[in-house]
Every structure is written in structure tokens, then in C-alpha cells.
Amino acid sequence: MMDLSPYIELLRNDDVVVIPTETVYGLAASIHSDKALQKIFAIKQRPLSNPLIVHLADPADFKLYATSVPEEVWVLAEKFCPGPISFVLPAAGNISPIIRGGQSTVALRIPNHPITLQLIRELGSPLAAPSANRYMGLSATSAAMVELAMPELKGKIIDGGRCSAGLESTIIGFEGGEPVMYRLGCITRGQIEKILGREVRFAGSENSEMPKAPGMQLRHYAPQTPMIVTNRMMDTLDLLKSVRVAVLGFRSPISHPAVIAQQLLSPDGNLEEAAHRLYELLHQLDQIKPDVIVAEWLPEDEVGQAINDKLRRGAESVQL
């Protein structure tokens, strides 16, 4: 067990801490401190209309923070919690409007990381936490990535190692009794449909000034370097001969005079490995400061859909 008392003191004094999860690192505050919740938005430079996810230690607590919980949520929670899935539910009165971002709902999840579960239990309060990065920037999957992006948080970062999943949680809700997926993640639409025995509508392409859940903006998860995503890698590179290009490929290396650096997500073609490495490798290429990053589309299978969704939202241009 880690000694978390310094971080608990910060949280109890209306401050924020950075928490490790299996998905990405999160910038967390107690749900009972509006002052700390406002700090999250200020540090991230995030619009107040973008809701936060509340992290709990036990699915049984869903009923404490939601006015109703559909039976299918319990079915999915039994299968996937703790894990990378968040449930959008009608918010109870104890959920601050700052967390809800103008919505009547709240997203709840159980993170699969022992340190953060310990922190929630010892604090005695759920934690509201978006990803620990500047708004629209690359998510962080290590403590070092957080500190590099937001050095003012040094001393408030709990180092829990590299995130095991590497992509944000899948977000699912229910509209008119029908399941709706708001954000793609490591738990796939197909997995959820198999368990529920019915189709799940994807609403994550709906752009709004008041999104129902995090990660729905058309522009998100972006490196500082302009990025192009393509399935015509060599044709694209031929058009970029006069610039310095960094390549993010799936499994096969590229030989081209424009390429100054490249990284492969999974030489073995493993989509889970690709998800695990996505933000880390994009971050490494971004640090080289090329003129452009050219990323390769992945197969639209299983978690490949979620990876492609992140690439699409982080790109300046996409080529199908």
C-alpha cells in the first residue's frame, strides 16, 4: 500500500492531484470541492460546458450518485468493472453542476488501478477527473508525460507506472431506454452488443458546444505538430518531399527520403498493443518537432475503431 496521505491532504484542502488509471492519467478533485473542481478547468483550459467523469471505488455506489440505474448497467458493470467503461446516468442532487457541464446527467466509472482505488477509499469521496493534459492535447499515459505537459503540477502527481490500456474509457448511456455509445474505447461496441444482445447506437460523431460526455469534440487528442492520417502513406509522403516528416505506422516500417523519424504501434499487428502505445509514441514524435506527423489508419476491427477515432480527432487532415 502506498502512503497517500500527502495527496489526501491536498484533496481535502480544495486542491487537485494527478491520478494513475488503466486508461490515461487523470487530473482529479474531490466531487465535494467546487473550488478544486474549478481548478481542473483552469489548469486544463477546458470549457466549463465539457462534463467530467466521476471515479468511484465500487459499482454499488452508482445508486448514490445517479437517480436511476438501468438493469443493463449492472450487467455491464459485472462484466467490465473495474475497467475502462463509463456510464452516463441521470445525476443525483449531490453532483455539482460544475461536474455536469450543463447536463442533467453524470458519467460514472470504476478505474482499474489499485492506487487510485485506495485513494478514493481513504479519502472517503469519489474523484472527478478528466485526462491530465491541456484541453484538446494528447492524453498522458505516464507520470513523466504529465509533468512535461503541465510542470506546475510537479509534487501533485501520483506515479502509478504506465497505463495498461492507454486509451480513454468507453462511454455508454441510455436514451429512451436504448443504449448509446458516446465515446469509443478499449471496450468495443461489439463486446457491449454481445453482452446486451442488441444494437448500440454510436453518437460520438455528434459535435456540440455542450457535449453529453467527454471526448465528443471533433477536435481532440491532438499533438502540437500538425498531423495527417492516411491509408495512402507513400502517395502522401511523395507530396511532402520538402518537409520534415515523422511517421506513425501500424506494423510495417516506411522507407522514404522525407521521413526523419518513425514509430510502429505494433510490429506484430496487435491492436491492444497499438492502443497501449498510441499516446506514448505520438508524444515521442511530437517532441522531435517535425513539420508534420503522418499517421497510418489501422484496421477498423475491435479496438482499432477507437484508435482511428483518436487519430481522426487529433488530425489536421484525413485521407480515406
Protein backbone atom coordinates (compact mmCIF):
# COMPACT_ATOMS: atom_id res chain seq x y z
CA MET A 1 0.00 0.00 0.00
CA MET A 2 1.35 3.41 -0.95
CA ASP A 3 1.39 6.26 1.56
CA LEU A 4 -1.17 8.58 0.00
CA SER A 5 -1.51 10.98 2.94
CA PRO A 6 0.17 13.95 1.16
CA TYR A 7 -2.27 13.66 -1.74
CA ILE A 8 -5.26 13.19 0.55
CA GLU A 9 -4.25 16.40 2.36
CA LEU A 10 -4.16 18.25 -0.97
CA LEU A 11 -7.60 16.96 -1.91
CA ARG A 12 -9.06 17.83 1.49
CA ASN A 13 -7.70 21.36 1.12
CA ASP A 14 -9.51 22.15 -2.13
CA ASP A 15 -6.61 21.23 -4.37
CA VAL A 16 -6.06 18.80 -7.25
CA VAL A 17 -3.84 15.75 -7.73
CA VAL A 18 -2.92 13.68 -10.77
CA ILE A 19 -4.06 10.06 -10.53
CA PRO A 20 -2.99 6.95 -12.47
CA THR A 21 -5.66 4.79 -14.06
CA GLU A 22 -5.63 1.91 -16.52
CA THR A 23 -6.76 4.27 -19.30
CA VAL A 24 -4.81 7.56 -19.03
CA TYR A 25 -3.64 9.76 -16.17
CA GLY A 26 -6.37 11.97 -14.72
CA LEU A 27 -6.44 15.44 -13.12
CA ALA A 28 -8.57 14.81 -10.05
CA ALA A 29 -10.51 16.72 -7.41
CA SER A 30 -12.96 15.70 -4.72
CA ILE A 31 -16.51 15.92 -6.02
CA HIS A 32 -17.35 17.86 -2.83
CA SER A 33 -14.99 20.79 -3.54
CA ASP A 34 -16.28 23.23 -6.13
CA LYS A 35 -13.09 25.26 -5.67
CA ALA A 36 -10.93 22.29 -6.65
CA LEU A 37 -13.27 21.35 -9.49
CA GLN A 38 -12.89 24.85 -10.92
CA LYS A 39 -9.11 24.44 -10.72
CA ILE A 40 -9.37 21.44 -13.06
CA PHE A 41 -10.96 23.58 -15.76
CA ALA A 42 -8.48 26.42 -15.23
CA ILE A 43 -5.41 24.17 -15.37
CA LYS A 44 -6.61 22.27 -18.41
CA GLN A 45 -8.00 25.41 -20.10
CA ARG A 46 -11.12 23.36 -20.62
CA PRO A 47 -14.58 24.82 -21.35
CA LEU A 48 -16.97 24.63 -18.41
CA SER A 49 -19.54 23.09 -20.77
CA ASN A 50 -17.44 19.91 -21.05
CA PRO A 51 -18.53 17.48 -18.30
CA LEU A 52 -16.21 15.47 -16.05
CA ILE A 53 -16.20 11.75 -15.21
CA VAL A 54 -16.70 10.76 -11.57
CA HIS A 55 -14.47 7.91 -10.37
CA LEU A 56 -15.84 5.58 -7.69
CA ALA A 57 -14.42 2.60 -5.82
CA ASP A 58 -17.44 0.29 -6.12
CA PRO A 59 -20.27 -0.11 -8.67
CA ALA A 60 -22.70 -0.33 -5.75
CA ASP A 61 -22.11 3.40 -5.28
CA PHE A 62 -23.70 4.19 -8.66
CA LYS A 63 -27.05 4.44 -6.90
CA LEU A 64 -25.66 7.13 -4.56
CA TYR A 65 -24.81 9.49 -7.41
CA ALA A 66 -27.47 8.64 -10.01
CA THR A 67 -31.23 8.89 -9.61
CA SER A 68 -31.77 5.71 -11.61
CA VAL A 69 -29.54 2.90 -12.89
CA PRO A 70 -30.84 0.73 -15.75
CA GLU A 71 -30.55 -3.02 -15.24
CA GLU A 72 -28.23 -3.24 -18.25
CA VAL A 73 -25.71 -1.02 -16.45
CA TRP A 74 -25.43 -3.61 -13.67
CA VAL A 75 -24.97 -6.33 -16.29
CA LEU A 76 -22.14 -4.41 -17.96
CA ALA A 77 -20.60 -3.40 -14.64
CA GLU A 78 -20.45 -7.02 -13.50
CA LYS A 79 -18.53 -7.88 -16.66
CA PHE A 80 -16.25 -4.86 -17.05
CA CYS A 81 -15.84 -3.09 -13.67
CA PRO A 82 -13.36 -2.14 -12.50
CA GLY A 83 -12.27 -1.26 -16.01
CA PRO A 84 -12.27 1.22 -18.88
CA ILE A 85 -16.03 1.89 -19.15
CA SER A 86 -18.05 4.91 -18.01
CA PHE A 87 -21.83 5.09 -17.66
CA VAL A 88 -23.81 8.25 -18.36
CA LEU A 89 -26.72 8.29 -15.90
CA PRO A 90 -29.26 10.80 -14.53
CA ALA A 91 -27.34 12.83 -11.95
CA ALA A 92 -28.34 12.84 -8.31
CA GLY A 93 -28.57 16.14 -6.42
CA ASN A 94 -25.17 15.63 -4.79
CA ILE A 95 -23.38 16.01 -8.16
CA SER A 96 -22.12 19.57 -8.62
CA PRO A 97 -23.27 21.47 -11.74
CA ILE A 98 -19.55 22.05 -12.39
CA ILE A 99 -19.15 18.30 -12.93
CA ARG A 100 -22.26 18.02 -15.11
CA GLY A 101 -21.21 20.75 -17.55
CA GLY A 102 -24.78 21.94 -18.07
CA GLN A 103 -26.21 18.45 -18.48
CA SER A 104 -28.71 16.65 -16.25
CA THR A 105 -26.51 13.55 -16.36
CA VAL A 106 -23.21 12.40 -14.89
CA ALA A 107 -20.63 9.87 -16.14
CA LEU A 108 -19.58 7.32 -13.51
CA ARG A 109 -16.80 4.72 -13.65
CA ILE A 110 -14.66 2.38 -11.54
CA PRO A 111 -10.98 2.78 -12.51
CA ASN A 112 -8.91 -0.39 -12.61
CA HIS A 113 -5.84 0.86 -10.77
CA PRO A 114 -5.05 -0.15 -7.17
CA ILE A 115 -3.53 3.20 -6.18
CA THR A 116 -6.49 5.26 -7.31
CA LEU A 117 -9.00 2.86 -5.74
CA GLN A 118 -7.00 3.11 -2.50
CA LEU A 119 -7.03 6.91 -2.77
CA ILE A 120 -10.81 7.08 -3.24
CA ARG A 121 -11.41 4.77 -0.28
CA GLU A 122 -9.01 6.56 2.06
CA LEU A 123 -10.28 9.99 1.03
CA GLY A 124 -13.87 8.86 1.55
CA SER A 125 -15.02 10.70 -1.55
CA PRO A 126 -15.32 10.00 -5.25
CA LEU A 127 -12.96 11.88 -7.55
CA ALA A 128 -13.94 13.87 -10.61
CA ALA A 129 -11.18 13.58 -13.18
CA PRO A 130 -10.69 14.32 -16.86
CA SER A 131 -7.43 13.40 -18.57
CA ALA A 132 -4.32 15.16 -17.21
CA ASN A 133 -3.38 17.23 -20.23
CA ARG A 134 -4.16 20.62 -21.74
CA TYR A 135 -7.54 20.81 -23.43
CA MET A 136 -7.54 19.11 -26.86
CA GLY A 137 -3.94 17.93 -26.36
CA LEU A 138 -2.50 14.44 -26.22
CA SER A 139 -3.52 12.37 -23.22
CA ALA A 140 -0.75 11.21 -20.86
CA THR A 141 -0.06 7.54 -20.16
CA SER A 142 2.84 8.11 -17.75
CA ALA A 143 3.64 10.50 -14.91
CA ALA A 144 6.57 11.88 -16.91
CA MET A 145 4.25 12.86 -19.77
CA VAL A 146 2.01 14.73 -17.34
CA GLU A 147 4.88 16.67 -15.78
CA LEU A 148 6.31 17.61 -19.17
CA ALA A 149 2.95 18.95 -20.37
CA MET A 150 1.96 20.61 -17.08
CA PRO A 151 5.08 21.33 -15.00
CA GLU A 152 3.07 23.37 -12.49
CA LEU A 153 1.65 20.08 -11.18
CA LYS A 154 5.02 18.74 -10.01
CA GLY A 155 4.61 17.36 -6.50
CA LYS A 156 0.93 16.60 -7.07
CA ILE A 157 1.41 13.68 -9.47
CA ILE A 158 0.97 10.13 -8.16
CA ASP A 159 3.26 7.92 -10.24
CA GLY A 160 1.46 4.63 -10.82
CA GLY A 161 3.52 3.48 -13.78
CA ARG A 162 2.47 3.30 -17.41
CA CYS A 163 -1.25 2.97 -18.06
CA SER A 164 -2.09 -0.60 -19.01
CA ALA A 165 -4.87 0.17 -21.53
CA GLY A 166 -3.68 3.50 -22.91
CA LEU A 167 -6.98 4.83 -24.31
CA GLU A 168 -9.75 6.75 -22.58
CA SER A 169 -12.70 4.78 -21.25
CA THR A 170 -15.59 3.73 -23.44
CA ILE A 171 -18.61 5.89 -22.54
CA ILE A 172 -22.12 4.48 -22.78
CA GLY A 173 -25.55 5.82 -21.76
CA PHE A 174 -29.21 5.18 -22.39
CA GLU A 175 -31.64 7.42 -24.27
CA GLY A 176 -35.28 6.43 -24.24
CA GLY A 177 -34.19 3.06 -22.85
CA GLU A 178 -31.87 2.45 -25.81
CA PRO A 179 -28.09 2.03 -25.33
CA VAL A 180 -25.97 4.80 -26.84
CA MET A 181 -22.17 4.93 -27.08
CA TYR A 182 -20.73 8.44 -26.75
CA ARG A 183 -17.02 7.62 -26.87
CA LEU A 184 -15.10 4.66 -28.32
CA GLY A 185 -12.54 2.97 -26.10
CA CYS A 186 -10.81 -0.30 -25.29
CA ILE A 187 -14.13 -1.99 -24.54
CA THR A 188 -15.59 -2.22 -28.01
CA ARG A 189 -19.07 -1.65 -29.34
CA GLY A 190 -19.16 -5.29 -30.41
CA GLN A 191 -18.32 -6.53 -26.92
CA ILE A 192 -21.12 -4.44 -25.42
CA GLU A 193 -23.63 -5.51 -28.07
CA LYS A 194 -22.79 -9.16 -27.44
CA ILE A 195 -23.50 -8.84 -23.73
CA LEU A 196 -26.65 -6.74 -24.12
CA GLY A 197 -27.93 -8.79 -27.03
CA ARG A 198 -28.94 -5.74 -29.03
CA GLU A 199 -27.53 -2.95 -31.19
CA VAL A 200 -25.78 0.02 -29.60
CA ARG A 201 -26.04 3.35 -31.43
CA PHE A 202 -22.84 5.41 -31.74
CA ALA A 203 -23.40 9.12 -31.07
CA GLY A 204 -19.76 10.14 -30.75
CA SER A 205 -19.74 11.92 -34.11
CA GLU A 206 -22.27 14.46 -32.89
CA ASN A 207 -20.40 17.72 -32.27
CA SER A 208 -21.91 20.11 -29.77
CA GLU A 209 -20.97 23.15 -27.72
CA MET A 210 -22.47 21.24 -24.78
CA PRO A 211 -21.38 17.60 -25.26
CA LYS A 212 -23.19 14.90 -23.32
CA ALA A 213 -19.88 13.25 -22.47
CA PRO A 214 -16.13 13.95 -22.69
CA GLY A 215 -14.27 13.25 -25.92
CA MET A 216 -17.11 14.15 -28.31
CA GLN A 217 -15.46 17.26 -29.77
CA LEU A 218 -14.45 16.93 -33.40
CA ARG A 219 -11.02 18.34 -32.50
CA HIS A 220 -9.38 16.48 -29.63
CA TYR A 221 -6.40 14.25 -28.67
CA ALA A 222 -4.08 16.36 -30.86
CA PRO A 223 -0.30 16.61 -30.89
CA GLN A 224 1.22 20.09 -31.21
CA THR A 225 2.61 19.07 -34.60
CA PRO A 226 0.06 19.09 -37.47
CA MET A 227 -0.99 15.52 -38.22
CA ILE A 228 -2.29 13.82 -41.35
CA VAL A 229 -3.93 10.40 -41.21
CA THR A 230 -3.91 8.36 -44.41
CA ASN A 231 -4.22 4.90 -45.92
CA ARG A 232 -2.06 6.04 -48.87
CA MET A 233 1.19 6.51 -46.99
CA MET A 234 3.65 6.58 -49.91
CA ASP A 235 1.45 8.89 -52.04
CA THR A 236 1.14 11.26 -49.09
CA LEU A 237 4.89 11.24 -48.42
CA ASP A 238 5.60 11.95 -52.10
CA LEU A 239 3.64 15.18 -51.70
CA LEU A 240 5.69 16.14 -48.63
CA LYS A 241 9.21 15.87 -50.02
CA SER A 242 10.16 19.41 -48.99
CA VAL A 243 9.17 18.99 -45.32
CA ARG A 244 10.45 17.00 -42.34
CA VAL A 245 8.03 14.14 -41.69
CA ALA A 246 7.59 11.85 -38.72
CA VAL A 247 5.61 8.67 -39.38
CA LEU A 248 3.36 6.76 -37.02
CA GLY A 249 2.81 3.39 -38.66
CA PHE A 250 0.89 0.32 -37.59
CA ARG A 251 3.21 -2.64 -38.21
CA SER A 252 5.48 -2.08 -41.25
CA PRO A 253 8.36 0.45 -41.49
CA ILE A 254 8.45 3.01 -44.29
CA SER A 255 11.47 3.99 -46.37
CA HIS A 256 11.19 7.49 -47.83
CA PRO A 257 13.58 10.47 -48.02
CA ALA A 258 11.07 12.80 -46.33
CA VAL A 259 10.93 10.67 -43.18
CA ILE A 260 13.20 11.85 -40.33
CA ALA A 261 11.67 9.58 -37.67
CA GLN A 262 9.10 6.84 -37.37
CA GLN A 263 7.44 4.66 -34.77
CA LEU A 264 5.40 1.47 -35.15
CA LEU A 265 2.38 0.87 -32.94
CA SER A 266 2.65 -2.92 -33.14
CA PRO A 267 5.04 -4.82 -35.45
CA ASP A 268 3.01 -7.94 -34.62
CA GLY A 269 -0.26 -6.30 -35.67
CA ASN A 270 -1.73 -6.46 -32.15
CA LEU A 271 -4.45 -3.82 -31.77
CA GLU A 272 -4.35 -3.90 -27.95
CA GLU A 273 -0.62 -3.19 -28.05
CA ALA A 274 -1.28 -0.39 -30.53
CA ALA A 275 -3.82 1.17 -28.17
CA HIS A 276 -1.41 0.85 -25.26
CA ARG A 277 1.35 2.66 -27.18
CA LEU A 278 -0.65 5.26 -29.16
CA TYR A 279 -0.24 8.36 -26.98
CA GLU A 280 3.28 7.48 -25.88
CA LEU A 281 4.54 7.19 -29.46
CA LEU A 282 2.66 10.25 -30.67
CA HIS A 283 4.21 12.15 -27.78
CA GLN A 284 7.70 10.95 -28.74
CA LEU A 285 7.23 12.01 -32.36
CA ASP A 286 5.80 15.35 -31.26
CA GLN A 287 8.90 16.03 -29.14
CA ILE A 288 11.14 15.70 -32.22
CA LYS A 289 9.28 18.74 -33.62
CA PRO A 290 8.91 17.62 -37.24
CA ASP A 291 6.99 19.76 -39.70
CA VAL A 292 4.21 17.18 -39.88
CA ILE A 293 3.26 13.78 -38.47
CA VAL A 294 1.78 11.30 -40.92
CA ALA A 295 -0.16 8.50 -39.23
CA GLU A 296 -1.49 5.33 -40.78
CA TRP A 297 -5.10 4.22 -40.40
CA LEU A 298 -5.48 0.96 -38.51
CA PRO A 299 -7.86 -1.89 -39.36
CA GLU A 300 -11.42 -0.98 -38.32
CA ASP A 301 -11.61 -4.10 -36.16
CA GLU A 302 -12.29 -4.20 -32.43
CA VAL A 303 -10.23 -1.54 -30.63
CA GLY A 304 -8.85 -0.36 -33.98
CA GLN A 305 -12.04 1.68 -34.33
CA ALA A 306 -11.24 3.54 -31.12
CA ILE A 307 -7.63 4.18 -32.15
CA ASN A 308 -8.78 5.53 -35.52
CA ASP A 309 -11.31 7.75 -33.75
CA LYS A 310 -8.50 9.32 -31.67
CA LEU A 311 -6.35 9.81 -34.77
CA ARG A 312 -9.25 11.38 -36.66
CA ARG A 313 -9.99 13.88 -33.90
CA GLY A 314 -6.30 14.77 -33.47
CA ALA A 315 -5.60 15.31 -37.18
CA GLU A 316 -5.45 18.47 -39.25
CA SER A 317 -6.31 16.40 -42.33
CA VAL A 318 -7.61 12.91 -43.03
CA GLN A 319 -7.29 10.89 -46.23
CA LEU A 320 -9.51 7.83 -46.61
